[in-house]
Structure formats: structure tokens, C-alpha cells
PDB file of N, CA and C in Angstrom:
ATOM      1  N   UNK A   1      47.884  13.325  50.789  1.00  0.00           N
ATOM      2  CA  UNK A   1      47.788  12.108  49.994  1.00  0.00           C
ATOM      3  C   UNK A   1      45.720  11.988  50.382  1.00  0.00           C
ATOM      4  N   UNK A   2      44.761  11.608  49.298  1.00  0.00           N
ATOM      5  CA  UNK A   2      43.763  11.603  49.445  1.00  0.00           C
ATOM      6  C   UNK A   2      43.092  10.193  50.155  1.00  0.00           C
ATOM      7  N   UNK A   3      41.589  10.453  50.986  1.00  0.00           N
ATOM      8  CA  UNK A   3      41.541   9.082  51.218  1.00  0.00           C
ATOM      9  C   UNK A   3      41.040   8.347  50.662  1.00  0.00           C
ATOM     10  N   UNK A   4      39.973   8.591  49.592  1.00  0.00           N
ATOM     11  CA  UNK A   4      39.647   8.459  49.245  1.00  0.00           C
ATOM     12  C   UNK A   4      40.281   8.148  47.538  1.00  0.00           C
ATOM     13  N   UNK A   5      40.309   6.499  47.834  1.00  0.00           N
ATOM     14  CA  UNK A   5      40.633   5.936  46.557  1.00  0.00           C
ATOM     15  C   UNK A   5      39.605   6.037  45.188  1.00  0.00           C
ATOM     16  N   UNK A   6      39.988   5.639  43.761  1.00  0.00           N
ATOM     17  CA  UNK A   6      39.117   5.435  43.109  1.00  0.00           C
ATOM     18  C   UNK A   6      38.149   4.544  42.914  1.00  0.00           C
ATOM     19  N   UNK A   7      38.735   2.682  43.591  1.00  0.00           N
ATOM     20  CA  UNK A   7      37.458   2.271  43.678  1.00  0.00           C
ATOM     21  C   UNK A   7      36.599   2.772  44.588  1.00  0.00           C
ATOM     22  N   UNK A   8      36.721   4.295  45.160  1.00  0.00           N
ATOM     23  CA  UNK A   8      35.597   4.489  46.669  1.00  0.00           C
ATOM     24  C   UNK A   8      34.508   5.660  45.534  1.00  0.00           C
ATOM     25  N   UNK A   9      35.389   6.143  44.626  1.00  0.00           N
ATOM     26  CA  UNK A   9      35.298   7.454  43.862  1.00  0.00           C
ATOM     27  C   UNK A   9      33.961   7.032  42.611  1.00  0.00           C
ATOM     28  N   UNK A  10      34.447   6.016  42.304  1.00  0.00           N
ATOM     29  CA  UNK A  10      33.754   4.891  41.145  1.00  0.00           C
ATOM     30  C   UNK A  10      32.387   4.322  42.605  1.00  0.00           C
ATOM     31  N   UNK A  11      32.205   3.551  42.944  1.00  0.00           N
ATOM     32  CA  UNK A  11      31.325   3.233  43.719  1.00  0.00           C
ATOM     33  C   UNK A  11      30.020   4.047  44.227  1.00  0.00           C
ATOM     34  N   UNK A  12      31.224   4.723  44.606  1.00  0.00           N
ATOM     35  CA  UNK A  12      29.734   5.894  44.788  1.00  0.00           C
ATOM     36  C   UNK A  12      29.058   6.433  43.642  1.00  0.00           C
ATOM     37  N   UNK A  13      29.573   7.228  42.750  1.00  0.00           N
ATOM     38  CA  UNK A  13      29.157   7.234  41.730  1.00  0.00           C
ATOM     39  C   UNK A  13      28.195   5.700  40.816  1.00  0.00           C
ATOM     40  N   UNK A  14      28.651   5.075  40.717  1.00  0.00           N
ATOM     41  CA  UNK A  14      27.820   4.059  40.824  1.00  0.00           C
ATOM     42  C   UNK A  14      26.187   3.747  40.975  1.00  0.00           C
ATOM     43  N   UNK A  15      26.646   3.793  42.933  1.00  0.00           N
ATOM     44  CA  UNK A  15      25.702   4.351  43.925  1.00  0.00           C
ATOM     45  C   UNK A  15      24.356   5.166  43.703  1.00  0.00           C
ATOM     46  N   UNK A  16      24.551   6.932  43.015  1.00  0.00           N
ATOM     47  CA  UNK A  16      24.423   7.486  42.828  1.00  0.00           C
ATOM     48  C   UNK A  16      23.472   7.655  41.667  1.00  0.00           C
ATOM     49  N   UNK A  17      24.327   7.719  40.477  1.00  0.00           N
ATOM     50  CA  UNK A  17      23.856   7.983  39.324  1.00  0.00           C
ATOM     51  C   UNK A  17      23.871   6.625  38.285  1.00  0.00           C
ATOM     52  N   UNK A  18      24.835   6.630  38.349  1.00  0.00           N
ATOM     53  CA  UNK A  18      25.521   4.879  37.397  1.00  0.00           C
ATOM     54  C   UNK A  18      24.356   4.600  37.156  1.00  0.00           C
ATOM     55  N   UNK A  19      23.276   3.728  38.088  1.00  0.00           N
ATOM     56  CA  UNK A  19      21.336   3.212  38.167  1.00  0.00           C
ATOM     57  C   UNK A  19      20.887   3.850  37.399  1.00  0.00           C
ATOM     58  N   UNK A  20      20.335   5.283  37.297  1.00  0.00           N
ATOM     59  CA  UNK A  20      20.204   6.592  36.739  1.00  0.00           C
ATOM     60  C   UNK A  20      19.877   6.703  35.173  1.00  0.00           C
ATOM     61  N   UNK A  21      21.260   6.946  35.281  1.00  0.00           N
ATOM     62  CA  UNK A  21      21.906   6.598  33.523  1.00  0.00           C
ATOM     63  C   UNK A  21      21.568   5.515  32.999  1.00  0.00           C
ATOM     64  N   UNK A  22      22.469   3.821  33.295  1.00  0.00           N
ATOM     65  CA  UNK A  22      21.828   3.379  33.093  1.00  0.00           C
ATOM     66  C   UNK A  22      21.167   2.570  32.436  1.00  0.00           C
ATOM     67  N   UNK A  23      19.256   3.185  33.344  1.00  0.00           N
ATOM     68  CA  UNK A  23      17.306   3.140  33.480  1.00  0.00           C
ATOM     69  C   UNK A  23      17.645   4.313  32.333  1.00  0.00           C
ATOM     70  N   UNK A  24      18.277   5.869  31.845  1.00  0.00           N
ATOM     71  CA  UNK A  24      17.748   6.793  31.151  1.00  0.00           C
ATOM     72  C   UNK A  24      17.858   5.607  29.780  1.00  0.00           C
ATOM     73  N   UNK A  25      19.064   4.993  29.706  1.00  0.00           N
ATOM     74  CA  UNK A  25      19.562   4.594  28.216  1.00  0.00           C
ATOM     75  C   UNK A  25      18.870   3.671  28.149  1.00  0.00           C
ATOM     76  N   UNK A  26      18.736   2.265  28.865  1.00  0.00           N
ATOM     77  CA  UNK A  26      17.905   0.912  28.684  1.00  0.00           C
ATOM     78  C   UNK A  26      16.518   1.717  27.864  1.00  0.00           C
ATOM     79  N   UNK A  27      15.904   2.672  28.838  1.00  0.00           N
ATOM     80  CA  UNK A  27      14.788   3.607  28.365  1.00  0.00           C
ATOM     81  C   UNK A  27      14.605   3.874  27.106  1.00  0.00           C
ATOM     82  N   UNK A  28      15.611   4.678  26.775  1.00  0.00           N
ATOM     83  CA  UNK A  28      16.309   5.674  24.737  1.00  0.00           C
ATOM     84  C   UNK A  28      15.771   3.898  23.638  1.00  0.00           C
ATOM     85  N   UNK A  29      17.119   2.963  24.664  1.00  0.00           N
ATOM     86  CA  UNK A  29      16.836   2.350  23.712  1.00  0.00           C
ATOM     87  C   UNK A  29      15.790   1.300  23.497  1.00  0.00           C
ATOM     88  N   UNK A  30      14.723   0.998  24.423  1.00  0.00           N
ATOM     89  CA  UNK A  30      13.657   0.256  24.345  1.00  0.00           C
ATOM     90  C   UNK A  30      12.558   1.261  23.706  1.00  0.00           C
ATOM     91  N   UNK A  31      12.231   2.356  23.772  1.00  0.00           N
ATOM     92  CA  UNK A  31      11.768   3.072  23.118  1.00  0.00           C
ATOM     93  C   UNK A  31      11.900   3.381  21.105  1.00  0.00           C
ATOM     94  N   UNK A  32      13.067   3.255  21.320  1.00  0.00           N
ATOM     95  CA  UNK A  32      14.052   3.593  20.010  1.00  0.00           C
ATOM     96  C   UNK A  32      12.951   3.770  18.626  1.00  0.00           C
ATOM     97  N   UNK A  33      12.218   2.005  18.795  1.00  0.00           N
ATOM     98  CA  UNK A  33      11.916   1.359  17.556  1.00  0.00           C
ATOM     99  C   UNK A  33      10.060   1.558  17.902  1.00  0.00           C
ATOM    100  N   UNK A  34       9.890   2.726  18.550  1.00  0.00           N
ATOM    101  CA  UNK A  34       8.206   3.320  19.060  1.00  0.00           C
ATOM    102  C   UNK A  34       8.522   4.710  18.116  1.00  0.00           C
ATOM    103  N   UNK A  35       9.374   5.380  17.951  1.00  0.00           N
ATOM    104  CA  UNK A  35       9.345   6.505  17.158  1.00  0.00           C
ATOM    105  C   UNK A  35       8.141   6.470  16.045  1.00  0.00           C
ATOM    106  N   UNK A  36       7.718   7.766  16.028  1.00  0.00           N
ATOM    107  CA  UNK A  36       6.881   7.867  14.982  1.00  0.00           C
ATOM    108  C   UNK A  36       7.102   7.972  13.538  1.00  0.00           C
ATOM    109  N   UNK A  37       6.090   7.545  13.174  1.00  0.00           N
ATOM    110  CA  UNK A  37       7.530   7.254  11.015  1.00  0.00           C
ATOM    111  C   UNK A  37       7.609   6.151  11.612  1.00  0.00           C
ATOM    112  N   UNK A  38       7.701   5.205  11.787  1.00  0.00           N
ATOM    113  CA  UNK A  38       9.294   4.100  11.345  1.00  0.00           C
ATOM    114  C   UNK A  38       8.450   3.081  11.393  1.00  0.00           C
ATOM    115  N   UNK A  39       7.097   3.132  11.488  1.00  0.00           N
ATOM    116  CA  UNK A  39       6.043   1.647  11.090  1.00  0.00           C
ATOM    117  C   UNK A  39       6.592   1.153   9.957  1.00  0.00           C
ATOM    118  N   UNK A  40       6.845   1.886   8.681  1.00  0.00           N
ATOM    119  CA  UNK A  40       6.760   1.146   8.057  1.00  0.00           C
ATOM    120  C   UNK A  40       8.674   0.670   8.089  1.00  0.00           C
ATOM    121  N   UNK A  41       9.770   1.097   8.175  1.00  0.00           N
ATOM    122  CA  UNK A  41      10.679   0.876   8.921  1.00  0.00           C
ATOM    123  C   UNK A  41      11.010  -0.976   9.194  1.00  0.00           C
ATOM    124  N   UNK A  42       9.713  -0.531  10.853  1.00  0.00           N
ATOM    125  CA  UNK A  42       9.629  -1.858  11.456  1.00  0.00           C
ATOM    126  C   UNK A  42       9.172  -3.035  10.712  1.00  0.00           C
ATOM    127  N   UNK A  43       8.388  -2.552   9.736  1.00  0.00           N
ATOM    128  CA  UNK A  43       7.237  -3.973   9.413  1.00  0.00           C
ATOM    129  C   UNK A  43       8.839  -4.770   8.561  1.00  0.00           C
ATOM    130  N   UNK A  44       9.735  -3.325   7.766  1.00  0.00           N
ATOM    131  CA  UNK A  44      10.663  -4.228   6.458  1.00  0.00           C
ATOM    132  C   UNK A  44      11.732  -5.130   7.180  1.00  0.00           C
ATOM    133  N   UNK A  45      12.183  -4.242   8.349  1.00  0.00           N
ATOM    134  CA  UNK A  45      12.983  -5.682   9.452  1.00  0.00           C
ATOM    135  C   UNK A  45      12.524  -6.979  10.225  1.00  0.00           C
ATOM    136  N   UNK A  46      10.881  -6.586  10.150  1.00  0.00           N
ATOM    137  CA  UNK A  46      10.637  -7.932  10.770  1.00  0.00           C
ATOM    138  C   UNK A  46      10.057  -8.816   9.164  1.00  0.00           C
ATOM    139  N   UNK A  47      10.348  -8.276   8.032  1.00  0.00           N
ATOM    140  CA  UNK A  47       9.606  -9.593   7.078  1.00  0.00           C
ATOM    141  C   UNK A  47      10.812  -9.723   6.135  1.00  0.00           C
ATOM    142  N   UNK A  48      11.953  -9.342   6.687  1.00  0.00           N
ATOM    143  CA  UNK A  48      13.489  -9.409   5.764  1.00  0.00           C
ATOM    144  C   UNK A  48      14.191 -10.675   5.841  1.00  0.00           C
ATOM    145  N   UNK A  49      13.520 -11.660   6.379  1.00  0.00           N
ATOM    146  CA  UNK A  49      14.051 -13.157   6.570  1.00  0.00           C
ATOM    147  C   UNK A  49      13.449 -13.826   4.979  1.00  0.00           C
ATOM    148  N   UNK A  50      11.507 -13.237   5.197  1.00  0.00           N
ATOM    149  CA  UNK A  50      10.943 -13.732   4.183  1.00  0.00           C
ATOM    150  C   UNK A  50      10.720 -14.034   2.664  1.00  0.00           C
ATOM    151  N   UNK A  51      11.678 -12.573   2.322  1.00  0.00           N
ATOM    152  CA  UNK A  51      12.346 -11.679   0.903  1.00  0.00           C
ATOM    153  C   UNK A  51      12.261 -12.898  -0.336  1.00  0.00           C
ATOM    154  N   UNK A  52      13.307 -13.445   0.079  1.00  0.00           N
ATOM    155  CA  UNK A  52      13.581 -14.180  -0.638  1.00  0.00           C
ATOM    156  C   UNK A  52      12.724 -15.869  -0.959  1.00  0.00           C
ATOM    157  N   UNK A  53      11.301 -16.136  -0.549  1.00  0.00           N
ATOM    158  CA  UNK A  53      10.789 -17.311   0.117  1.00  0.00           C
ATOM    159  C   UNK A  53       9.864 -17.603  -1.130  1.00  0.00           C
ATOM    160  N   UNK A  54       9.664 -18.617  -1.593  1.00  0.00           N
ATOM    161  CA  UNK A  54       8.771 -19.190  -2.302  1.00  0.00           C
ATOM    162  C   UNK A  54       7.077 -19.140  -2.388  1.00  0.00           C
ATOM    163  N   UNK A  55       5.982 -19.249  -2.632  1.00  0.00           N
ATOM    164  CA  UNK A  55       5.555 -19.382  -2.216  1.00  0.00           C
ATOM    165  C   UNK A  55       4.490 -20.601  -2.563  1.00  0.00           C
ATOM    166  N   UNK A  56       5.192 -21.280  -3.436  1.00  0.00           N
ATOM    167  CA  UNK A  56       4.881 -22.596  -4.197  1.00  0.00           C
ATOM    168  C   UNK A  56       5.659 -24.278  -3.790  1.00  0.00           C
TER     169      UNK A  56
END
């Protein structure tokens, strides 16, 4: 019989590595649109809602 429950193991993981994993995922997702060569796609996405608007 193990002295550690599943909860204890998951809690230990969250305390030690979980925060680091979440930080790395956040940094990757935050930096994804800033990759080199993505300026054109970002501009297109930013102005997409105005595509069919009439200026007059």
C-alpha cells in the first residue's frame, strides 16, 4: 500500500513543475504573434473587420 495518494502526487507536481509549465506555455502563446515574418498576417487580421465597409 502506497503512503502517497493521487492527490498528493498531483499536488507535488503542481507545486514543483506545474507553475513552470504554465509559465512556458503562456510565454510561447504571448510571443507567437511576434514571430519574424508575421507582420503581414497580423495586419490582415487586425483590419479584417473593416474589409467590406463603405467609405461613403
